[in-house]
Amino acid sequence: MDCFWLVDGEAIGDLKRKVNGKNGYHVMAEDAQAIGLTAALYWTQRDAPHVQIPTSSSIPSDLYSITDIDRLMEERFGE
């Protein structure tokens, strides 16, 4: 999920700007991690507006066999 920090009706992308001593992206990242989400602010290539549900892998074949993927795709979308 990508979000943006809104200050006085303006979308802010600055990681250094503070309101009441806090930066919205840092607050969001801390809160996201506190509830078990992954905050991309802490990635090597920062993506401050992004948080996500942690997964063991983003590669489907690491999670499912090819047979499982084929069966699930056929169930959802037909032959």
PDB file of N, CA and C in Angstrom:
ATOM      1  N   MET A   1       0.850  -1.146   0.000  1.00  0.00           N
ATOM      2  CA  MET A   1       0.000   0.000   0.000  1.00  0.00           C
ATOM      3  C   MET A   1       0.906   1.223   0.000  1.00  0.00           C
ATOM      4  N   ASP A   2       0.575   2.184  -0.827  1.00  0.00           N
ATOM      5  CA  ASP A   2       1.294   3.450  -0.857  1.00  0.00           C
ATOM      6  C   ASP A   2       0.387   4.546  -0.314  1.00  0.00           C
ATOM      7  N   CYS A   3       0.937   5.385   0.519  1.00  0.00           N
ATOM      8  CA  CYS A   3       0.201   6.491   1.121  1.00  0.00           C
ATOM      9  C   CYS A   3       1.018   7.762   0.953  1.00  0.00           C
ATOM     10  N   PHE A   4       0.407   8.885   1.224  1.00  0.00           N
ATOM     11  CA  PHE A   4       1.173  10.125   1.239  1.00  0.00           C
ATOM     12  C   PHE A   4       0.782  10.919   2.469  1.00  0.00           C
ATOM     13  N   TRP A   5       1.680  11.766   2.868  1.00  0.00           N
ATOM     14  CA  TRP A   5       1.511  12.599   4.048  1.00  0.00           C
ATOM     15  C   TRP A   5       0.870  13.904   3.592  1.00  0.00           C
ATOM     16  N   LEU A   6      -0.249  14.246   4.194  1.00  0.00           N
ATOM     17  CA  LEU A   6      -0.997  15.442   3.822  1.00  0.00           C
ATOM     18  C   LEU A   6      -0.858  16.484   4.930  1.00  0.00           C
ATOM     19  N   VAL A   7      -0.333  17.665   4.572  1.00  0.00           N
ATOM     20  CA  VAL A   7      -0.159  18.764   5.523  1.00  0.00           C
ATOM     21  C   VAL A   7      -0.841  19.997   4.940  1.00  0.00           C
ATOM     22  N   ASP A   8      -1.846  20.490   5.643  1.00  0.00           N
ATOM     23  CA  ASP A   8      -2.593  21.673   5.181  1.00  0.00           C
ATOM     24  C   ASP A   8      -3.074  21.521   3.742  1.00  0.00           C
ATOM     25  N   GLY A   9      -3.571  20.312   3.404  1.00  0.00           N
ATOM     26  CA  GLY A   9      -4.111  20.061   2.080  1.00  0.00           C
ATOM     27  C   GLY A   9      -3.080  19.818   0.995  1.00  0.00           C
ATOM     28  N   GLU A  10      -1.807  19.737   1.353  1.00  0.00           N
ATOM     29  CA  GLU A  10      -0.732  19.543   0.387  1.00  0.00           C
ATOM     30  C   GLU A  10      -0.036  18.207   0.630  1.00  0.00           C
ATOM     31  N   ALA A  11       0.126  17.408  -0.438  1.00  0.00           N
ATOM     32  CA  ALA A  11       0.857  16.149  -0.328  1.00  0.00           C
ATOM     33  C   ALA A  11       2.340  16.455  -0.151  1.00  0.00           C
ATOM     34  N   ILE A  12       2.931  15.877   0.877  1.00  0.00           N
ATOM     35  CA  ILE A  12       4.336  16.116   1.209  1.00  0.00           C
ATOM     36  C   ILE A  12       5.143  14.854   0.914  1.00  0.00           C
ATOM     37  N   GLY A  13       6.268  15.002   0.247  1.00  0.00           N
ATOM     38  CA  GLY A  13       7.141  13.870  -0.040  1.00  0.00           C
ATOM     39  C   GLY A  13       8.477  13.959   0.664  1.00  0.00           C
ATOM     40  N   ASP A  14       8.678  15.009   1.425  1.00  0.00           N
ATOM     41  CA  ASP A  14       9.951  15.307   2.083  1.00  0.00           C
ATOM     42  C   ASP A  14      10.114  14.495   3.368  1.00  0.00           C
ATOM     43  N   LEU A  15      11.216  13.751   3.460  1.00  0.00           N
ATOM     44  CA  LEU A  15      11.485  12.955   4.663  1.00  0.00           C
ATOM     45  C   LEU A  15      12.081  13.786   5.792  1.00  0.00           C
ATOM     46  N   LYS A  16      12.459  15.027   5.512  1.00  0.00           N
ATOM     47  CA  LYS A  16      13.070  15.875   6.537  1.00  0.00           C
ATOM     48  C   LYS A  16      12.078  16.854   7.168  1.00  0.00           C
ATOM     49  N   ARG A  17      11.002  17.162   6.445  1.00  0.00           N
ATOM     50  CA  ARG A  17      10.027  18.127   6.973  1.00  0.00           C
ATOM     51  C   ARG A  17       9.351  17.569   8.212  1.00  0.00           C
ATOM     52  N   LYS A  18       9.153  18.421   9.188  1.00  0.00           N
ATOM     53  CA  LYS A  18       8.514  17.999  10.432  1.00  0.00           C
ATOM     54  C   LYS A  18       7.359  18.921  10.774  1.00  0.00           C
ATOM     55  N   VAL A  19       6.361  18.345  11.383  1.00  0.00           N
ATOM     56  CA  VAL A  19       5.238  19.078  11.946  1.00  0.00           C
ATOM     57  C   VAL A  19       5.140  18.622  13.397  1.00  0.00           C
ATOM     58  N   ASN A  20       5.154  19.578  14.305  1.00  0.00           N
ATOM     59  CA  ASN A  20       5.175  19.253  15.740  1.00  0.00           C
ATOM     60  C   ASN A  20       6.321  18.301  16.090  1.00  0.00           C
ATOM     61  N   GLY A  21       7.446  18.496  15.411  1.00  0.00           N
ATOM     62  CA  GLY A  21       8.646  17.716  15.709  1.00  0.00           C
ATOM     63  C   GLY A  21       8.686  16.328  15.099  1.00  0.00           C
ATOM     64  N   LYS A  22       7.706  15.985  14.247  1.00  0.00           N
ATOM     65  CA  LYS A  22       7.663  14.635  13.681  1.00  0.00           C
ATOM     66  C   LYS A  22       7.458  14.690  12.175  1.00  0.00           C
ATOM     67  N   ASN A  23       8.031  13.701  11.493  1.00  0.00           N
ATOM     68  CA  ASN A  23       7.821  13.533  10.063  1.00  0.00           C
ATOM     69  C   ASN A  23       6.787  12.431   9.866  1.00  0.00           C
ATOM     70  N   GLY A  24       5.770  12.684   9.062  1.00  0.00           N
ATOM     71  CA  GLY A  24       4.675  11.740   8.858  1.00  0.00           C
ATOM     72  C   GLY A  24       5.097  10.380   8.348  1.00  0.00           C
ATOM     73  N   TYR A  25       6.112  10.330   7.480  1.00  0.00           N
ATOM     74  CA  TYR A  25       6.560   9.043   6.941  1.00  0.00           C
ATOM     75  C   TYR A  25       7.257   8.203   8.010  1.00  0.00           C
ATOM     76  N   HIS A  26       7.978   8.862   8.883  1.00  0.00           N
ATOM     77  CA  HIS A  26       8.631   8.131   9.974  1.00  0.00           C
ATOM     78  C   HIS A  26       7.588   7.614  10.963  1.00  0.00           C
ATOM     79  N   VAL A  27       6.588   8.419  11.246  1.00  0.00           N
ATOM     80  CA  VAL A  27       5.507   7.984  12.149  1.00  0.00           C
ATOM     81  C   VAL A  27       4.780   6.788  11.539  1.00  0.00           C
ATOM     82  N   MET A  28       4.444   6.881  10.239  1.00  0.00           N
ATOM     83  CA  MET A  28       3.742   5.783   9.568  1.00  0.00           C
ATOM     84  C   MET A  28       4.578   4.507   9.590  1.00  0.00           C
ATOM     85  N   ALA A  29       5.874   4.616   9.312  1.00  0.00           N
ATOM     86  CA  ALA A  29       6.748   3.440   9.291  1.00  0.00           C
ATOM     87  C   ALA A  29       6.835   2.797  10.675  1.00  0.00           C
ATOM     88  N   GLU A  30       6.976   3.602  11.707  1.00  0.00           N
ATOM     89  CA  GLU A  30       7.038   3.070  13.078  1.00  0.00           C
ATOM     90  C   GLU A  30       5.737   2.378  13.452  1.00  0.00           C
ATOM     91  N   ASP A  31       4.609   3.012  13.132  1.00  0.00           N
ATOM     92  CA  ASP A  31       3.305   2.422  13.448  1.00  0.00           C
ATOM     93  C   ASP A  31       3.069   1.145  12.641  1.00  0.00           C
ATOM     94  N   ALA A  32       3.464   1.152  11.373  1.00  0.00           N
ATOM     95  CA  ALA A  32       3.294  -0.025  10.526  1.00  0.00           C
ATOM     96  C   ALA A  32       4.070  -1.212  11.095  1.00  0.00           C
ATOM     97  N   GLN A  33       5.310  -0.966  11.470  1.00  0.00           N
ATOM     98  CA  GLN A  33       6.116  -2.059  12.030  1.00  0.00           C
ATOM     99  C   GLN A  33       5.563  -2.532  13.368  1.00  0.00           C
ATOM    100  N   ALA A  34       4.998  -1.623  14.136  1.00  0.00           N
ATOM    101  CA  ALA A  34       4.433  -1.990  15.443  1.00  0.00           C
ATOM    102  C   ALA A  34       3.265  -2.965  15.303  1.00  0.00           C
ATOM    103  N   ILE A  35       2.570  -2.927  14.167  1.00  0.00           N
ATOM    104  CA  ILE A  35       1.448  -3.850  13.962  1.00  0.00           C
ATOM    105  C   ILE A  35       1.800  -5.005  13.028  1.00  0.00           C
ATOM    106  N   GLY A  36       3.093  -5.174  12.741  1.00  0.00           N
ATOM    107  CA  GLY A  36       3.554  -6.332  11.990  1.00  0.00           C
ATOM    108  C   GLY A  36       3.679  -6.152  10.490  1.00  0.00           C
ATOM    109  N   LEU A  37       3.554  -4.922   9.990  1.00  0.00           N
ATOM    110  CA  LEU A  37       3.738  -4.678   8.564  1.00  0.00           C
ATOM    111  C   LEU A  37       5.206  -4.387   8.264  1.00  0.00           C
ATOM    112  N   THR A  38       5.589  -4.472   7.018  1.00  0.00           N
ATOM    113  CA  THR A  38       6.929  -4.111   6.575  1.00  0.00           C
ATOM    114  C   THR A  38       6.883  -2.679   6.072  1.00  0.00           C
ATOM    115  N   ALA A  39       7.744  -1.828   6.605  1.00  0.00           N
ATOM    116  CA  ALA A  39       7.812  -0.424   6.192  1.00  0.00           C
ATOM    117  C   ALA A  39       8.986  -0.239   5.241  1.00  0.00           C
ATOM    118  N   ALA A  40       8.687   0.185   4.024  1.00  0.00           N
ATOM    119  CA  ALA A  40       9.725   0.339   3.005  1.00  0.00           C
ATOM    120  C   ALA A  40      10.634   1.540   3.266  1.00  0.00           C
ATOM    121  N   LEU A  41      10.302   2.355   4.237  1.00  0.00           N
ATOM    122  CA  LEU A  41      11.192   3.453   4.632  1.00  0.00           C
ATOM    123  C   LEU A  41      12.542   2.896   5.075  1.00  0.00           C
ATOM    124  N   TYR A  42      12.555   1.680   5.596  1.00  0.00           N
ATOM    125  CA  TYR A  42      13.776   1.087   6.131  1.00  0.00           C
ATOM    126  C   TYR A  42      14.518   0.214   5.120  1.00  0.00           C
ATOM    127  N   TRP A  43      14.020   0.122   3.884  1.00  0.00           N
ATOM    128  CA  TRP A  43      14.711  -0.635   2.858  1.00  0.00           C
ATOM    129  C   TRP A  43      15.958   0.116   2.406  1.00  0.00           C
ATOM    130  N   THR A  44      16.896  -0.594   1.770  1.00  0.00           N
ATOM    131  CA  THR A  44      18.104   0.039   1.242  1.00  0.00           C
ATOM    132  C   THR A  44      17.741   1.138   0.253  1.00  0.00           C
ATOM    133  N   GLN A  45      16.836   0.839  -0.649  1.00  0.00           N
ATOM    134  CA  GLN A  45      16.315   1.858  -1.564  1.00  0.00           C
ATOM    135  C   GLN A  45      14.964   2.295  -0.997  1.00  0.00           C
ATOM    136  N   ARG A  46      14.993   3.327  -0.191  1.00  0.00           N
ATOM    137  CA  ARG A  46      13.806   3.776   0.531  1.00  0.00           C
ATOM    138  C   ARG A  46      12.621   4.031  -0.388  1.00  0.00           C
ATOM    139  N   ASP A  47      11.468   3.619   0.090  1.00  0.00           N
ATOM    140  CA  ASP A  47      10.191   3.891  -0.559  1.00  0.00           C
ATOM    141  C   ASP A  47       9.250   4.302   0.570  1.00  0.00           C
ATOM    142  N   ALA A  48       9.478   5.499   1.094  1.00  0.00           N
ATOM    143  CA  ALA A  48       8.813   5.961   2.310  1.00  0.00           C
ATOM    144  C   ALA A  48       7.299   5.822   2.306  1.00  0.00           C
ATOM    145  N   PRO A  49       6.608   6.070   1.197  1.00  0.00           N
ATOM    146  CA  PRO A  49       5.151   5.973   1.237  1.00  0.00           C
ATOM    147  C   PRO A  49       4.606   4.543   1.257  1.00  0.00           C
ATOM    148  N   HIS A  50       5.474   3.529   1.179  1.00  0.00           N
ATOM    149  CA  HIS A  50       5.023   2.145   0.999  1.00  0.00           C
ATOM    150  C   HIS A  50       5.135   1.324   2.286  1.00  0.00           C
ATOM    151  N   VAL A  51       4.058   0.591   2.591  1.00  0.00           N
ATOM    152  CA  VAL A  51       4.063  -0.443   3.631  1.00  0.00           C
ATOM    153  C   VAL A  51       3.391  -1.675   3.036  1.00  0.00           C
ATOM    154  N   GLN A  52       3.743  -2.853   3.555  1.00  0.00           N
ATOM    155  CA  GLN A  52       3.144  -4.073   3.020  1.00  0.00           C
ATOM    156  C   GLN A  52       3.084  -5.164   4.073  1.00  0.00           C
ATOM    157  N   ILE A  53       2.242  -6.145   3.789  1.00  0.00           N
ATOM    158  CA  ILE A  53       2.172  -7.333   4.633  1.00  0.00           C
ATOM    159  C   ILE A  53       3.417  -8.150   4.339  1.00  0.00           C
ATOM    160  N   PRO A  54       4.144  -8.572   5.373  1.00  0.00           N
ATOM    161  CA  PRO A  54       5.351  -9.361   5.113  1.00  0.00           C
ATOM    162  C   PRO A  54       4.986 -10.735   4.556  1.00  0.00           C
ATOM    163  N   THR A  55       5.804 -11.206   3.632  1.00  0.00           N
ATOM    164  CA  THR A  55       5.617 -12.538   3.061  1.00  0.00           C
ATOM    165  C   THR A  55       6.942 -13.271   3.102  1.00  0.00           C
ATOM    166  N   SER A  56       6.862 -14.563   3.007  1.00  0.00           N
ATOM    167  CA  SER A  56       8.100 -15.339   2.967  1.00  0.00           C
ATOM    168  C   SER A  56       8.775 -15.179   1.619  1.00  0.00           C
ATOM    169  N   SER A  57       7.982 -14.840   0.610  1.00  0.00           N
ATOM    170  CA  SER A  57       8.536 -14.639  -0.720  1.00  0.00           C
ATOM    171  C   SER A  57       7.494 -13.959  -1.588  1.00  0.00           C
ATOM    172  N   SER A  58       7.961 -13.206  -2.558  1.00  0.00           N
ATOM    173  CA  SER A  58       7.037 -12.614  -3.522  1.00  0.00           C
ATOM    174  C   SER A  58       7.018 -13.403  -4.818  1.00  0.00           C
ATOM    175  N   ILE A  59       7.716 -14.518  -4.847  1.00  0.00           N
ATOM    176  CA  ILE A  59       7.760 -15.371  -6.029  1.00  0.00           C
ATOM    177  C   ILE A  59       6.770 -16.522  -5.811  1.00  0.00           C
ATOM    178  N   PRO A  60       5.683 -16.579  -6.602  1.00  0.00           N
ATOM    179  CA  PRO A  60       4.651 -17.598  -6.375  1.00  0.00           C
ATOM    180  C   PRO A  60       5.188 -19.020  -6.299  1.00  0.00           C
ATOM    181  N   SER A  61       6.176 -19.353  -7.137  1.00  0.00           N
ATOM    182  CA  SER A  61       6.676 -20.735  -7.140  1.00  0.00           C
ATOM    183  C   SER A  61       7.454 -21.076  -5.868  1.00  0.00           C
ATOM    184  N   ASP A  62       7.823 -20.079  -5.072  1.00  0.00           N
ATOM    185  CA  ASP A  62       8.444 -20.360  -3.775  1.00  0.00           C
ATOM    186  C   ASP A  62       7.394 -20.751  -2.740  1.00  0.00           C
ATOM    187  N   LEU A  63       6.143 -20.378  -3.004  1.00  0.00           N
ATOM    188  CA  LEU A  63       5.065 -20.641  -2.064  1.00  0.00           C
ATOM    189  C   LEU A  63       4.176 -21.805  -2.488  1.00  0.00           C
ATOM    190  N   TYR A  64       4.056 -22.019  -3.806  1.00  0.00           N
ATOM    191  CA  TYR A  64       3.166 -23.041  -4.348  1.00  0.00           C
ATOM    192  C   TYR A  64       3.905 -23.842  -5.411  1.00  0.00           C
ATOM    193  N   SER A  65       3.487 -25.100  -5.571  1.00  0.00           N
ATOM    194  CA  SER A  65       4.039 -25.892  -6.674  1.00  0.00           C
ATOM    195  C   SER A  65       3.375 -25.433  -7.974  1.00  0.00           C
ATOM    196  N   ILE A  66       3.972 -25.774  -9.089  1.00  0.00           N
ATOM    197  CA  ILE A  66       3.397 -25.439 -10.393  1.00  0.00           C
ATOM    198  C   ILE A  66       2.008 -26.057 -10.526  1.00  0.00           C
ATOM    199  N   THR A  67       1.826 -27.262 -10.017  1.00  0.00           N
ATOM    200  CA  THR A  67       0.522 -27.926 -10.056  1.00  0.00           C
ATOM    201  C   THR A  67      -0.509 -27.125  -9.261  1.00  0.00           C
ATOM    202  N   ASP A  68      -0.121 -26.654  -8.079  1.00  0.00           N
ATOM    203  CA  ASP A  68      -1.033 -25.834  -7.264  1.00  0.00           C
ATOM    204  C   ASP A  68      -1.384 -24.529  -7.970  1.00  0.00           C
ATOM    205  N   ILE A  69      -0.396 -23.878  -8.556  1.00  0.00           N
ATOM    206  CA  ILE A  69      -0.638 -22.615  -9.267  1.00  0.00           C
ATOM    207  C   ILE A  69      -1.597 -22.851 -10.428  1.00  0.00           C
ATOM    208  N   ASP A  70      -1.358 -23.905 -11.187  1.00  0.00           N
ATOM    209  CA  ASP A  70      -2.212 -24.223 -12.326  1.00  0.00           C
ATOM    210  C   ASP A  70      -3.650 -24.488 -11.871  1.00  0.00           C
ATOM    211  N   ARG A  71      -3.816 -25.264 -10.815  1.00  0.00           N
ATOM    212  CA  ARG A  71      -5.145 -25.588 -10.300  1.00  0.00           C
ATOM    213  C   ARG A  71      -5.861 -24.332  -9.816  1.00  0.00           C
ATOM    214  N   LEU A  72      -5.166 -23.484  -9.055  1.00  0.00           N
ATOM    215  CA  LEU A  72      -5.782 -22.258  -8.547  1.00  0.00           C
ATOM    216  C   LEU A  72      -6.167 -21.291  -9.670  1.00  0.00           C
ATOM    217  N   MET A  73      -5.308 -21.170 -10.676  1.00  0.00           N
ATOM    218  CA  MET A  73      -5.616 -20.294 -11.808  1.00  0.00           C
ATOM    219  C   MET A  73      -6.834 -20.824 -12.569  1.00  0.00           C
ATOM    220  N   GLU A  74      -6.899 -22.137 -12.750  1.00  0.00           N
ATOM    221  CA  GLU A  74      -8.041 -22.722 -13.457  1.00  0.00           C
ATOM    222  C   GLU A  74      -9.326 -22.531 -12.652  1.00  0.00           C
ATOM    223  N   GLU A  75      -9.267 -22.688 -11.313  1.00  0.00           N
ATOM    224  CA  GLU A  75     -10.443 -22.470 -10.470  1.00  0.00           C
ATOM    225  C   GLU A  75     -10.932 -21.023 -10.569  1.00  0.00           C
ATOM    226  N   ARG A  76     -10.009 -20.089 -10.592  1.00  0.00           N
ATOM    227  CA  ARG A  76     -10.389 -18.665 -10.606  1.00  0.00           C
ATOM    228  C   ARG A  76     -10.791 -18.166 -11.983  1.00  0.00           C
ATOM    229  N   PHE A  77     -10.100 -18.634 -13.038  1.00  0.00           N
ATOM    230  CA  PHE A  77     -10.291 -18.040 -14.359  1.00  0.00           C
ATOM    231  C   PHE A  77     -10.780 -19.023 -15.422  1.00  0.00           C
ATOM    232  N   GLY A  78     -10.945 -20.260 -15.075  1.00  0.00           N
ATOM    233  CA  GLY A  78     -11.379 -21.247 -16.073  1.00  0.00           C
ATOM    234  C   GLY A  78     -10.194 -21.755 -16.875  1.00  0.00           C
ATOM    235  N   GLU A  79     -10.520 -22.584 -17.856  1.00  0.00           N
ATOM    236  CA  GLU A  79      -9.458 -23.200 -18.660  1.00  0.00           C
ATOM    237  C   GLU A  79      -8.729 -22.210 -19.515  1.00  0.00           C
TER     238      GLU A  79
END
